Amino acid sequence: MTEGRTDPRPARSRARLLEAATTLLRTGGPNAVTVDAVLRGANVARATLYRHFPSGTDLLAAAFQSLIPPAPMPPEDGTLRDRLIGLMEAWAEHIAEAPALLTAMNWLALGRDLDQMPEAGDSPEVRTLRERIAQQYAAPFDAIFDSPQAAAELVEFDRATAMMLLLGPLVTAKLSTLVDADYRETVRASVEGFLHVYGKKPSAEISAASTESEGV
């Protein structure tokens, strides 16, 4: 090999392993991504796989990363309510069209007893996947919550709790096989609930509530 040139073979073998794992994940779910199945699909040696991915958990986490598309961002214009509704409608479509995101969250939270697996705690691929999903959640909401609109119209609140309040109904609707939910109605309900809990009350409403409290 010519001095100064990088050997392309490691990159090619990693790409083949990841392609095989991703295909198995897309068609058969997490349980289909076994080391033996990936080796057959990629046609590489076991030692080569472990040079790139220290464990099957790392390989599956890397496959999930390749399937998760970028998170939708909110509209730049409109009222706070309109921007939240626009973002949540985009998220509803995102969840419907990107089931790998839900599967990855479920796998990280519940599947394969990750916290009990010795390699999971120090796994760079699992750690990166957790960070990627956290970023997927946070960035679009930060774009709204950091805006002057939010500062003017919302009280102080915990962002993680607020995101669960907004996204929870959409995820539940997607996971449930018992109801055929209208996501637009679900979006409106979740946004109205959020604004009811965290929206600043008008002065007249605060005064009326204070008067009622004093009269009790």
N, C-alpha and C. Protein backbone atom coordinates (compact mmCIF):
# COMPACT_ATOMS: atom_id res chain seq x y z
N MET A 1 0.85 -1.20 0.00
CA MET A 1 0.00 0.00 0.00
C MET A 1 0.89 1.25 0.00
N THR A 2 0.52 2.27 -0.78
CA THR A 2 1.32 3.48 -0.90
C THR A 2 1.35 4.21 0.43
N GLU A 3 2.55 4.68 0.82
CA GLU A 3 2.70 5.38 2.09
C GLU A 3 1.81 6.63 2.11
N GLY A 4 1.13 6.83 3.26
CA GLY A 4 0.27 8.00 3.41
C GLY A 4 -1.17 7.75 3.05
N ARG A 5 -1.47 6.64 2.39
CA ARG A 5 -2.86 6.34 2.03
C ARG A 5 -3.49 5.48 3.11
N THR A 6 -4.77 5.73 3.37
CA THR A 6 -5.51 4.99 4.38
C THR A 6 -6.10 3.72 3.76
N ASP A 7 -5.98 2.63 4.48
CA ASP A 7 -6.54 1.36 4.01
C ASP A 7 -8.07 1.45 4.02
N PRO A 8 -8.73 1.32 2.86
CA PRO A 8 -10.19 1.47 2.82
C PRO A 8 -10.94 0.23 3.30
N ARG A 9 -10.26 -0.87 3.53
CA ARG A 9 -10.96 -2.11 3.85
C ARG A 9 -11.72 -2.06 5.17
N PRO A 10 -11.15 -1.48 6.24
CA PRO A 10 -11.93 -1.41 7.48
C PRO A 10 -13.25 -0.64 7.33
N ALA A 11 -13.22 0.45 6.60
CA ALA A 11 -14.44 1.23 6.39
C ALA A 11 -15.47 0.42 5.60
N ARG A 12 -15.00 -0.33 4.61
CA ARG A 12 -15.92 -1.14 3.80
C ARG A 12 -16.54 -2.25 4.63
N SER A 13 -15.74 -2.91 5.46
CA SER A 13 -16.28 -4.01 6.26
C SER A 13 -17.26 -3.48 7.30
N ARG A 14 -16.98 -2.33 7.88
CA ARG A 14 -17.92 -1.75 8.84
C ARG A 14 -19.23 -1.39 8.16
N ALA A 15 -19.13 -0.82 6.97
CA ALA A 15 -20.35 -0.45 6.23
C ALA A 15 -21.17 -1.69 5.89
N ARG A 16 -20.53 -2.79 5.52
CA ARG A 16 -21.26 -4.02 5.21
C ARG A 16 -21.94 -4.58 6.44
N LEU A 17 -21.25 -4.54 7.58
CA LEU A 17 -21.85 -5.02 8.83
C LEU A 17 -23.05 -4.16 9.21
N LEU A 18 -22.90 -2.87 9.10
CA LEU A 18 -23.99 -1.97 9.47
C LEU A 18 -25.17 -2.11 8.52
N GLU A 19 -24.89 -2.28 7.24
CA GLU A 19 -25.96 -2.48 6.27
C GLU A 19 -26.74 -3.77 6.56
N ALA A 20 -26.01 -4.84 6.88
CA ALA A 20 -26.68 -6.11 7.20
C ALA A 20 -27.52 -5.98 8.45
N ALA A 21 -26.98 -5.32 9.49
CA ALA A 21 -27.71 -5.16 10.74
C ALA A 21 -28.94 -4.28 10.54
N THR A 22 -28.80 -3.24 9.75
CA THR A 22 -29.92 -2.33 9.50
C THR A 22 -31.04 -3.03 8.74
N THR A 23 -30.67 -3.84 7.76
CA THR A 23 -31.68 -4.60 7.00
C THR A 23 -32.44 -5.56 7.92
N LEU A 24 -31.72 -6.24 8.78
CA LEU A 24 -32.37 -7.16 9.72
C LEU A 24 -33.27 -6.40 10.68
N LEU A 25 -32.82 -5.26 11.16
CA LEU A 25 -33.62 -4.47 12.09
C LEU A 25 -34.89 -3.97 11.43
N ARG A 26 -34.76 -3.50 10.19
CA ARG A 26 -35.92 -2.95 9.48
C ARG A 26 -36.96 -4.03 9.19
N THR A 27 -36.50 -5.23 8.86
CA THR A 27 -37.43 -6.29 8.45
C THR A 27 -37.88 -7.20 9.59
N GLY A 28 -37.05 -7.35 10.60
CA GLY A 28 -37.39 -8.30 11.65
C GLY A 28 -37.39 -7.77 13.06
N GLY A 29 -37.03 -6.50 13.25
CA GLY A 29 -37.01 -5.94 14.59
C GLY A 29 -35.72 -6.26 15.32
N PRO A 30 -35.58 -5.74 16.55
CA PRO A 30 -34.32 -5.91 17.30
C PRO A 30 -33.91 -7.36 17.50
N ASN A 31 -34.87 -8.25 17.73
CA ASN A 31 -34.52 -9.66 18.00
C ASN A 31 -33.87 -10.34 16.79
N ALA A 32 -34.07 -9.77 15.59
CA ALA A 32 -33.49 -10.37 14.39
C ALA A 32 -32.02 -10.03 14.23
N VAL A 33 -31.56 -9.01 14.95
CA VAL A 33 -30.18 -8.55 14.78
C VAL A 33 -29.27 -9.36 15.71
N THR A 34 -28.97 -10.55 15.32
CA THR A 34 -28.03 -11.39 16.07
C THR A 34 -26.67 -11.36 15.37
N VAL A 35 -25.63 -11.69 16.12
CA VAL A 35 -24.30 -11.68 15.54
C VAL A 35 -24.21 -12.64 14.37
N ASP A 36 -24.73 -13.84 14.53
CA ASP A 36 -24.65 -14.84 13.45
C ASP A 36 -25.38 -14.37 12.20
N ALA A 37 -26.57 -13.79 12.38
CA ALA A 37 -27.34 -13.32 11.23
C ALA A 37 -26.62 -12.19 10.51
N VAL A 38 -26.02 -11.29 11.27
CA VAL A 38 -25.29 -10.18 10.66
C VAL A 38 -24.06 -10.69 9.91
N LEU A 39 -23.36 -11.65 10.50
CA LEU A 39 -22.18 -12.21 9.83
C LEU A 39 -22.55 -12.86 8.51
N ARG A 40 -23.69 -13.57 8.50
CA ARG A 40 -24.13 -14.19 7.24
C ARG A 40 -24.47 -13.13 6.20
N GLY A 41 -25.17 -12.09 6.64
CA GLY A 41 -25.57 -11.05 5.70
C GLY A 41 -24.42 -10.23 5.17
N ALA A 42 -23.42 -9.99 6.03
CA ALA A 42 -22.29 -9.16 5.62
C ALA A 42 -21.17 -9.96 4.99
N ASN A 43 -21.18 -11.27 5.25
CA ASN A 43 -20.13 -12.15 4.73
C ASN A 43 -18.74 -11.70 5.17
N VAL A 44 -18.62 -11.45 6.49
CA VAL A 44 -17.32 -11.09 7.05
C VAL A 44 -17.03 -12.02 8.23
N ALA A 45 -15.79 -12.03 8.69
CA ALA A 45 -15.39 -12.89 9.79
C ALA A 45 -15.85 -12.32 11.13
N ARG A 46 -16.06 -13.21 12.09
CA ARG A 46 -16.49 -12.79 13.43
C ARG A 46 -15.48 -11.82 14.06
N ALA A 47 -14.21 -12.09 13.87
CA ALA A 47 -13.19 -11.21 14.44
C ALA A 47 -13.29 -9.81 13.87
N THR A 48 -13.66 -9.71 12.59
CA THR A 48 -13.82 -8.39 11.97
C THR A 48 -14.97 -7.64 12.61
N LEU A 49 -16.09 -8.33 12.87
CA LEU A 49 -17.22 -7.68 13.52
C LEU A 49 -16.82 -7.10 14.86
N TYR A 50 -16.11 -7.89 15.67
CA TYR A 50 -15.76 -7.43 17.01
C TYR A 50 -14.68 -6.35 17.01
N ARG A 51 -13.97 -6.20 15.91
CA ARG A 51 -13.05 -5.06 15.81
C ARG A 51 -13.81 -3.75 15.68
N HIS A 52 -14.96 -3.82 15.02
CA HIS A 52 -15.77 -2.61 14.82
C HIS A 52 -16.78 -2.41 15.94
N PHE A 53 -17.38 -3.48 16.43
CA PHE A 53 -18.43 -3.41 17.43
C PHE A 53 -18.11 -4.38 18.56
N PRO A 54 -17.75 -3.90 19.73
CA PRO A 54 -17.32 -4.78 20.82
C PRO A 54 -18.38 -5.79 21.25
N SER A 55 -19.65 -5.53 20.96
CA SER A 55 -20.72 -6.45 21.37
C SER A 55 -21.88 -6.34 20.40
N GLY A 56 -22.79 -7.31 20.49
CA GLY A 56 -24.00 -7.24 19.69
C GLY A 56 -24.85 -6.04 20.05
N THR A 57 -24.78 -5.61 21.30
CA THR A 57 -25.52 -4.43 21.74
C THR A 57 -25.04 -3.18 21.01
N ASP A 58 -23.71 -3.04 20.87
CA ASP A 58 -23.16 -1.91 20.13
C ASP A 58 -23.62 -1.93 18.68
N LEU A 59 -23.63 -3.10 18.08
CA LEU A 59 -24.02 -3.23 16.69
C LEU A 59 -25.48 -2.84 16.50
N LEU A 60 -26.36 -3.28 17.40
CA LEU A 60 -27.77 -2.95 17.29
C LEU A 60 -28.00 -1.45 17.51
N ALA A 61 -27.29 -0.87 18.46
CA ALA A 61 -27.43 0.57 18.69
C ALA A 61 -27.00 1.36 17.46
N ALA A 62 -25.92 0.93 16.81
CA ALA A 62 -25.46 1.61 15.60
C ALA A 62 -26.48 1.47 14.47
N ALA A 63 -27.13 0.31 14.38
CA ALA A 63 -28.15 0.11 13.36
C ALA A 63 -29.35 1.03 13.60
N PHE A 64 -29.75 1.16 14.86
CA PHE A 64 -30.84 2.08 15.18
C PHE A 64 -30.49 3.50 14.75
N GLN A 65 -29.27 3.92 15.02
CA GLN A 65 -28.87 5.28 14.67
C GLN A 65 -29.02 5.54 13.18
N SER A 66 -28.72 4.54 12.37
CA SER A 66 -28.79 4.73 10.92
C SER A 66 -30.22 4.83 10.41
N LEU A 67 -31.20 4.38 11.22
CA LEU A 67 -32.59 4.38 10.78
C LEU A 67 -33.39 5.58 11.30
N ILE A 68 -32.84 6.31 12.27
CA ILE A 68 -33.60 7.40 12.87
C ILE A 68 -33.39 8.68 12.06
N PRO A 69 -34.44 9.22 11.46
CA PRO A 69 -34.28 10.44 10.65
C PRO A 69 -34.19 11.67 11.55
N PRO A 70 -33.81 12.82 11.00
CA PRO A 70 -33.76 14.06 11.78
C PRO A 70 -35.13 14.42 12.34
N ALA A 71 -35.13 15.05 13.51
CA ALA A 71 -36.40 15.45 14.14
C ALA A 71 -37.00 16.63 13.40
N PRO A 72 -38.34 16.71 13.35
CA PRO A 72 -38.98 17.88 12.72
C PRO A 72 -38.80 19.11 13.59
N MET A 73 -38.70 20.26 12.95
CA MET A 73 -38.56 21.52 13.67
C MET A 73 -39.86 22.32 13.57
N PRO A 74 -40.08 23.23 14.50
CA PRO A 74 -41.35 23.98 14.50
C PRO A 74 -41.38 25.04 13.41
N PRO A 75 -42.59 25.53 13.06
CA PRO A 75 -42.68 26.67 12.13
C PRO A 75 -41.99 27.89 12.76
N GLU A 76 -41.41 28.72 11.93
CA GLU A 76 -40.71 29.90 12.43
C GLU A 76 -41.66 31.03 12.76
N ASP A 77 -42.85 31.04 12.13
CA ASP A 77 -43.80 32.14 12.32
C ASP A 77 -45.08 31.64 12.97
N GLY A 78 -45.86 32.58 13.49
CA GLY A 78 -47.14 32.24 14.09
C GLY A 78 -47.14 32.48 15.59
N THR A 79 -48.33 32.36 16.20
CA THR A 79 -48.44 32.50 17.64
C THR A 79 -47.78 31.30 18.32
N LEU A 80 -47.61 31.41 19.63
CA LEU A 80 -47.05 30.29 20.39
C LEU A 80 -47.91 29.05 20.21
N ARG A 81 -49.21 29.21 20.31
CA ARG A 81 -50.13 28.08 20.14
C ARG A 81 -49.99 27.48 18.74
N ASP A 82 -49.96 28.34 17.72
CA ASP A 82 -49.86 27.85 16.34
C ASP A 82 -48.55 27.11 16.11
N ARG A 83 -47.46 27.63 16.67
CA ARG A 83 -46.15 26.99 16.49
C ARG A 83 -46.12 25.62 17.19
N LEU A 84 -46.72 25.56 18.38
CA LEU A 84 -46.77 24.28 19.10
C LEU A 84 -47.60 23.27 18.33
N ILE A 85 -48.74 23.71 17.81
CA ILE A 85 -49.59 22.79 17.04
C ILE A 85 -48.86 22.34 15.78
N GLY A 86 -48.20 23.27 15.09
CA GLY A 86 -47.45 22.89 13.89
C GLY A 86 -46.36 21.88 14.20
N LEU A 87 -45.64 22.10 15.30
CA LEU A 87 -44.58 21.17 15.69
C LEU A 87 -45.16 19.81 16.05
N MET A 88 -46.24 19.78 16.82
CA MET A 88 -46.80 18.51 17.25
C MET A 88 -47.41 17.74 16.09
N GLU A 89 -48.00 18.44 15.12
CA GLU A 89 -48.51 17.75 13.93
C GLU A 89 -47.35 17.13 13.14
N ALA A 90 -46.24 17.87 13.05
CA ALA A 90 -45.06 17.32 12.38
C ALA A 90 -44.52 16.11 13.13
N TRP A 91 -44.53 16.18 14.47
CA TRP A 91 -44.07 15.05 15.27
C TRP A 91 -44.99 13.84 15.11
N ALA A 92 -46.30 14.08 14.99
CA ALA A 92 -47.24 12.97 14.81
C ALA A 92 -46.92 12.23 13.52
N GLU A 93 -46.65 12.98 12.45
CA GLU A 93 -46.29 12.34 11.18
C GLU A 93 -44.93 11.66 11.28
N HIS A 94 -44.01 12.29 12.01
CA HIS A 94 -42.68 11.72 12.19
C HIS A 94 -42.76 10.37 12.90
N ILE A 95 -43.56 10.31 13.95
CA ILE A 95 -43.71 9.06 14.71
C ILE A 95 -44.37 7.99 13.85
N ALA A 96 -45.37 8.41 13.05
CA ALA A 96 -46.08 7.44 12.21
C ALA A 96 -45.18 6.89 11.12
N GLU A 97 -44.29 7.73 10.59
CA GLU A 97 -43.46 7.33 9.45
C GLU A 97 -42.09 6.79 9.87
N ALA A 98 -41.74 6.95 11.13
CA ALA A 98 -40.42 6.50 11.59
C ALA A 98 -40.57 5.60 12.81
N PRO A 99 -41.14 4.41 12.61
CA PRO A 99 -41.33 3.51 13.76
C PRO A 99 -40.03 3.11 14.43
N ALA A 100 -38.91 3.22 13.73
CA ALA A 100 -37.63 2.87 14.35
C ALA A 100 -37.34 3.75 15.55
N LEU A 101 -37.85 4.99 15.56
CA LEU A 101 -37.62 5.87 16.70
C LEU A 101 -38.30 5.32 17.94
N LEU A 102 -39.57 4.90 17.80
CA LEU A 102 -40.28 4.33 18.94
C LEU A 102 -39.64 3.02 19.37
N THR A 103 -39.26 2.20 18.40
CA THR A 103 -38.64 0.92 18.74
C THR A 103 -37.32 1.14 19.48
N ALA A 104 -36.54 2.11 19.03
CA ALA A 104 -35.27 2.40 19.69
C ALA A 104 -35.49 2.87 21.12
N MET A 105 -36.50 3.74 21.33
CA MET A 105 -36.78 4.22 22.68
C MET A 105 -37.22 3.07 23.57
N ASN A 106 -38.07 2.21 23.03
CA ASN A 106 -38.52 1.06 23.80
C ASN A 106 -37.36 0.12 24.12
N TRP A 107 -36.49 -0.10 23.16
CA TRP A 107 -35.34 -0.99 23.37
C TRP A 107 -34.41 -0.42 24.43
N LEU A 108 -34.16 0.89 24.38
CA LEU A 108 -33.28 1.51 25.36
C LEU A 108 -33.89 1.50 26.76
N ALA A 109 -35.22 1.70 26.82
CA ALA A 109 -35.86 1.82 28.13
C ALA A 109 -36.24 0.48 28.74
N LEU A 110 -36.66 -0.45 27.88
CA LEU A 110 -37.23 -1.69 28.41
C LEU A 110 -36.58 -2.95 27.87
N GLY A 111 -36.12 -2.89 26.63
CA GLY A 111 -35.71 -4.11 25.95
C GLY A 111 -34.36 -4.64 26.37
N ARG A 112 -34.24 -5.95 26.35
CA ARG A 112 -32.98 -6.65 26.55
C ARG A 112 -32.30 -6.37 27.88
N ASP A 113 -33.05 -5.77 28.83
CA ASP A 113 -32.47 -5.49 30.15
C ASP A 113 -31.10 -4.84 30.02
N LEU A 114 -31.05 -3.74 29.28
CA LEU A 114 -29.76 -3.11 28.95
C LEU A 114 -28.94 -2.77 30.20
N ASP A 115 -29.61 -2.27 31.23
CA ASP A 115 -28.85 -1.86 32.41
C ASP A 115 -28.20 -3.04 33.13
N GLN A 116 -28.69 -4.25 32.84
CA GLN A 116 -28.12 -5.43 33.49
C GLN A 116 -27.00 -6.04 32.67
N MET A 117 -26.78 -5.52 31.46
CA MET A 117 -25.75 -6.08 30.60
C MET A 117 -24.42 -5.37 30.85
N PRO A 118 -23.36 -6.10 31.18
CA PRO A 118 -22.09 -5.47 31.53
C PRO A 118 -21.58 -4.50 30.49
N GLU A 119 -21.76 -4.84 29.22
CA GLU A 119 -21.17 -3.99 28.18
C GLU A 119 -22.01 -2.77 27.88
N ALA A 120 -23.28 -2.76 28.34
CA ALA A 120 -24.17 -1.66 27.94
C ALA A 120 -23.79 -0.34 28.60
N GLY A 121 -23.39 -0.40 29.88
CA GLY A 121 -23.11 0.83 30.59
C GLY A 121 -21.97 1.63 29.98
N ASP A 122 -20.97 0.95 29.46
CA ASP A 122 -19.81 1.62 28.89
C ASP A 122 -19.82 1.61 27.37
N SER A 123 -20.91 1.18 26.78
CA SER A 123 -20.96 1.06 25.34
C SER A 123 -21.05 2.43 24.67
N PRO A 124 -20.08 2.78 23.83
CA PRO A 124 -20.14 4.09 23.16
C PRO A 124 -21.31 4.19 22.20
N GLU A 125 -21.66 3.09 21.54
CA GLU A 125 -22.77 3.15 20.58
C GLU A 125 -24.10 3.36 21.30
N VAL A 126 -24.31 2.66 22.43
CA VAL A 126 -25.54 2.84 23.19
C VAL A 126 -25.60 4.25 23.76
N ARG A 127 -24.49 4.72 24.27
CA ARG A 127 -24.45 6.08 24.83
C ARG A 127 -24.76 7.11 23.74
N THR A 128 -24.18 6.91 22.56
CA THR A 128 -24.45 7.83 21.46
C THR A 128 -25.91 7.79 21.04
N LEU A 129 -26.50 6.58 21.03
CA LEU A 129 -27.91 6.46 20.66
C LEU A 129 -28.80 7.17 21.67
N ARG A 130 -28.51 7.01 22.95
CA ARG A 130 -29.29 7.71 23.99
C ARG A 130 -29.20 9.22 23.77
N GLU A 131 -27.99 9.71 23.52
CA GLU A 131 -27.80 11.14 23.32
C GLU A 131 -28.50 11.63 22.06
N ARG A 132 -28.48 10.79 21.01
CA ARG A 132 -29.14 11.16 19.76
C ARG A 132 -30.64 11.29 19.97
N ILE A 133 -31.25 10.35 20.68
CA ILE A 133 -32.69 10.41 20.90
C ILE A 133 -33.04 11.58 21.81
N ALA A 134 -32.21 11.82 22.83
CA ALA A 134 -32.46 12.97 23.71
C ALA A 134 -32.42 14.27 22.91
N GLN A 135 -31.46 14.36 21.98
CA GLN A 135 -31.38 15.54 21.14
C GLN A 135 -32.57 15.64 20.22
N GLN A 136 -33.05 14.49 19.72
CA GLN A 136 -34.22 14.48 18.85
C GLN A 136 -35.41 15.12 19.56
N TYR A 137 -35.53 14.81 20.84
CA TYR A 137 -36.63 15.38 21.61
C TYR A 137 -36.41 16.86 21.89
N ALA A 138 -35.21 17.21 22.35
CA ALA A 138 -35.01 18.53 22.93
C ALA A 138 -34.94 19.66 21.90
N ALA A 139 -34.21 19.46 20.81
CA ALA A 139 -33.93 20.58 19.91
C ALA A 139 -35.18 21.29 19.38
N PRO A 140 -36.19 20.57 18.86
CA PRO A 140 -37.35 21.27 18.33
C PRO A 140 -38.11 22.05 19.41
N PHE A 141 -38.18 21.49 20.62
CA PHE A 141 -38.90 22.17 21.70
C PHE A 141 -38.10 23.35 22.22
N ASP A 142 -36.77 23.21 22.28
CA ASP A 142 -35.94 24.33 22.71
C ASP A 142 -36.12 25.52 21.78
N ALA A 143 -36.32 25.26 20.50
CA ALA A 143 -36.51 26.35 19.54
C ALA A 143 -37.73 27.18 19.89
N ILE A 144 -38.75 26.56 20.48
CA ILE A 144 -39.94 27.28 20.91
C ILE A 144 -39.78 27.82 22.32
N PHE A 145 -39.31 26.98 23.24
CA PHE A 145 -39.24 27.37 24.64
C PHE A 145 -38.23 28.49 24.89
N ASP A 146 -37.24 28.64 24.00
CA ASP A 146 -36.25 29.70 24.15
C ASP A 146 -36.68 31.00 23.46
N SER A 147 -37.85 31.01 22.87
CA SER A 147 -38.30 32.17 22.11
C SER A 147 -38.86 33.26 23.03
N PRO A 148 -38.87 34.51 22.57
CA PRO A 148 -39.51 35.60 23.34
C PRO A 148 -40.99 35.33 23.59
N GLN A 149 -41.66 34.65 22.64
CA GLN A 149 -43.07 34.30 22.84
C GLN A 149 -43.26 33.47 24.10
N ALA A 150 -42.44 32.45 24.25
CA ALA A 150 -42.57 31.57 25.41
C ALA A 150 -42.28 32.33 26.69
N ALA A 151 -41.26 33.19 26.68
CA ALA A 151 -40.94 33.97 27.87
C ALA A 151 -42.10 34.87 28.28
N ALA A 152 -42.83 35.39 27.28
CA ALA A 152 -43.93 36.31 27.58
C ALA A 152 -45.20 35.59 28.00
N GLU A 153 -45.41 34.36 27.52
CA GLU A 153 -46.70 33.71 27.71
C GLU A 153 -46.70 32.53 28.67
N LEU A 154 -45.52 32.03 29.04
CA LEU A 154 -45.46 30.82 29.86
C LEU A 154 -44.81 31.11 31.20
N VAL A 155 -45.27 30.39 32.22
CA VAL A 155 -44.61 30.43 33.52
C VAL A 155 -43.38 29.53 33.46
N GLU A 156 -42.57 29.55 34.52
CA GLU A 156 -41.43 28.65 34.57
C GLU A 156 -41.90 27.21 34.68
N PHE A 157 -41.20 26.30 34.01
CA PHE A 157 -41.62 24.90 34.03
C PHE A 157 -40.44 24.01 33.72
N ASP A 158 -40.59 22.75 34.07
CA ASP A 158 -39.58 21.75 33.75
C ASP A 158 -39.79 21.28 32.32
N ARG A 159 -38.78 21.42 31.48
CA ARG A 159 -38.96 21.13 30.06
C ARG A 159 -39.20 19.65 29.80
N ALA A 160 -38.54 18.80 30.55
CA ALA A 160 -38.73 17.36 30.33
C ALA A 160 -40.18 16.97 30.61
N THR A 161 -40.75 17.53 31.69
CA THR A 161 -42.15 17.24 32.01
C THR A 161 -43.08 17.80 30.94
N ALA A 162 -42.78 19.00 30.46
CA ALA A 162 -43.61 19.62 29.43
C ALA A 162 -43.58 18.80 28.14
N MET A 163 -42.42 18.30 27.77
CA MET A 163 -42.30 17.50 26.55
C MET A 163 -43.08 16.19 26.68
N MET A 164 -43.08 15.60 27.89
CA MET A 164 -43.87 14.38 28.09
C MET A 164 -45.35 14.68 27.98
N LEU A 165 -45.76 15.85 28.51
CA LEU A 165 -47.17 16.24 28.42
C LEU A 165 -47.60 16.42 26.97
N LEU A 166 -46.72 16.97 26.14
CA LEU A 166 -47.06 17.22 24.74
C LEU A 166 -46.94 15.97 23.88
N LEU A 167 -45.86 15.22 24.06
CA LEU A 167 -45.61 14.07 23.20
C LEU A 167 -46.29 12.79 23.68
N GLY A 168 -46.54 12.69 24.97
CA GLY A 168 -47.09 11.45 25.52
C GLY A 168 -48.35 10.96 24.81
N PRO A 169 -49.34 11.84 24.59
CA PRO A 169 -50.56 11.37 23.90
C PRO A 169 -50.30 10.85 22.49
N LEU A 170 -49.33 11.46 21.78
CA LEU A 170 -49.04 11.01 20.42
C LEU A 170 -48.40 9.63 20.43
N VAL A 171 -47.46 9.42 21.35
CA VAL A 171 -46.81 8.12 21.45
C VAL A 171 -47.81 7.06 21.85
N THR A 172 -48.68 7.39 22.82
CA THR A 172 -49.70 6.44 23.27
C THR A 172 -50.63 6.06 22.13
N ALA A 173 -51.03 7.07 21.35
CA ALA A 173 -51.93 6.80 20.23
C ALA A 173 -51.28 5.89 19.20
N LYS A 174 -49.98 6.09 18.98
CA LYS A 174 -49.27 5.26 18.00
C LYS A 174 -49.10 3.83 18.50
N LEU A 175 -48.81 3.68 19.80
CA LEU A 175 -48.55 2.35 20.34
C LEU A 175 -49.83 1.55 20.56
N SER A 176 -50.94 2.26 20.81
CA SER A 176 -52.18 1.56 21.14
C SER A 176 -52.78 0.90 19.90
N THR A 177 -53.22 -0.33 20.05
CA THR A 177 -53.92 -1.02 18.96
C THR A 177 -55.42 -1.05 19.21
N LEU A 178 -55.86 -0.37 20.29
CA LEU A 178 -57.26 -0.41 20.67
C LEU A 178 -58.06 0.76 20.14
N VAL A 179 -57.37 1.82 19.75
CA VAL A 179 -58.09 3.01 19.29
C VAL A 179 -57.51 3.46 17.96
N ASP A 180 -58.38 4.08 17.16
CA ASP A 180 -57.95 4.68 15.89
C ASP A 180 -58.03 6.18 16.09
N ALA A 181 -56.99 6.76 16.69
CA ALA A 181 -57.03 8.15 17.12
C ALA A 181 -56.83 9.11 15.94
N ASP A 182 -57.55 10.23 15.98
CA ASP A 182 -57.33 11.32 15.04
C ASP A 182 -56.18 12.15 15.59
N TYR A 183 -55.01 12.10 14.93
CA TYR A 183 -53.84 12.75 15.53
C TYR A 183 -54.03 14.25 15.63
N ARG A 184 -54.82 14.86 14.74
CA ARG A 184 -55.02 16.31 14.82
C ARG A 184 -55.79 16.68 16.09
N GLU A 185 -56.78 15.88 16.44
CA GLU A 185 -57.51 16.13 17.68
C GLU A 185 -56.62 15.87 18.88
N THR A 186 -55.79 14.83 18.79
CA THR A 186 -54.84 14.54 19.87
C THR A 186 -53.85 15.68 20.03
N VAL A 187 -53.37 16.23 18.92
CA VAL A 187 -52.43 17.36 18.97
C VAL A 187 -53.08 18.56 19.63
N ARG A 188 -54.28 18.89 19.21
CA ARG A 188 -54.97 20.06 19.79
C ARG A 188 -55.16 19.89 21.29
N ALA A 189 -55.57 18.68 21.69
CA ALA A 189 -55.80 18.42 23.11
C ALA A 189 -54.51 18.54 23.91
N SER A 190 -53.42 18.00 23.38
CA SER A 190 -52.15 18.04 24.12
C SER A 190 -51.63 19.47 24.23
N VAL A 191 -51.76 20.26 23.16
CA VAL A 191 -51.31 21.65 23.20
C VAL A 191 -52.17 22.48 24.14
N GLU A 192 -53.48 22.31 24.07
CA GLU A 192 -54.36 23.06 24.97
C GLU A 192 -54.09 22.69 26.43
N GLY A 193 -53.83 21.41 26.67
CA GLY A 193 -53.50 20.99 28.03
C GLY A 193 -52.21 21.62 28.51
N PHE A 194 -51.21 21.66 27.64
CA PHE A 194 -49.93 22.28 28.00
C PHE A 194 -50.12 23.76 28.32
N LEU A 195 -50.84 24.49 27.45
CA LEU A 195 -51.04 25.92 27.66
C LEU A 195 -51.89 26.19 28.90
N HIS A 196 -52.82 25.30 29.20
CA HIS A 196 -53.64 25.47 30.40
C HIS A 196 -52.78 25.33 31.66
N VAL A 197 -51.85 24.39 31.64
CA VAL A 197 -51.01 24.14 32.81
C VAL A 197 -49.93 25.20 32.95
N TYR A 198 -49.28 25.57 31.85
CA TYR A 198 -48.09 26.41 31.93
C TYR A 198 -48.28 27.83 31.41
N GLY A 199 -49.45 28.15 30.86
CA GLY A 199 -49.68 29.51 30.38
C GLY A 199 -49.89 30.48 31.53
N LYS A 200 -49.37 31.71 31.34
CA LYS A 200 -49.59 32.74 32.36
C LYS A 200 -51.05 33.14 32.37
N LYS A 201 -51.61 33.24 33.57
CA LYS A 201 -53.02 33.62 33.71
C LYS A 201 -53.16 35.13 33.56
N PRO A 202 -54.25 35.59 32.87
CA PRO A 202 -54.50 37.03 32.78
C PRO A 202 -54.68 37.63 34.17
N SER A 203 -54.38 38.93 34.32
CA SER A 203 -54.45 39.58 35.63
C SER A 203 -55.84 39.48 36.24
N ALA A 204 -56.88 39.64 35.40
CA ALA A 204 -58.24 39.58 35.91
C ALA A 204 -58.55 38.20 36.47
N GLU A 205 -58.06 37.17 35.80
CA GLU A 205 -58.30 35.81 36.26
C GLU A 205 -57.57 35.53 37.57
N ILE A 206 -56.34 36.08 37.70
CA ILE A 206 -55.58 35.90 38.93
C ILE A 206 -56.29 36.60 40.09
N SER A 207 -56.81 37.82 39.82
CA SER A 207 -57.50 38.56 40.87
C SER A 207 -58.75 37.85 41.32
N ALA A 208 -59.50 37.28 40.35
CA ALA A 208 -60.72 36.56 40.70
C ALA A 208 -60.41 35.33 41.52
N ALA A 209 -59.34 34.61 41.14
CA ALA A 209 -58.97 33.42 41.90
C ALA A 209 -58.54 33.78 43.31
N SER A 210 -57.82 34.91 43.44
CA SER A 210 -57.38 35.36 44.77
C SER A 210 -58.55 35.75 45.64
N THR A 211 -59.55 36.42 45.04
CA THR A 211 -60.75 36.81 45.79
C THR A 211 -61.52 35.61 46.28
N GLU A 212 -61.67 34.62 45.39
CA GLU A 212 -62.37 33.39 45.78
C GLU A 212 -61.65 32.68 46.92
N SER A 213 -60.32 32.70 46.88
CA SER A 213 -59.53 32.04 47.91
C SER A 213 -59.70 32.73 49.25
N GLU A 214 -59.74 34.08 49.22
CA GLU A 214 -59.90 34.83 50.46
C GLU A 214 -61.29 34.66 51.05
N GLY A 215 -62.25 34.40 50.18
CA GLY A 215 -63.63 34.26 50.67
C GLY A 215 -63.93 32.91 51.25
N VAL A 216 -63.05 31.92 51.03
CA VAL A 216 -63.27 30.58 51.55
C VAL A 216 -63.06 30.53 53.04
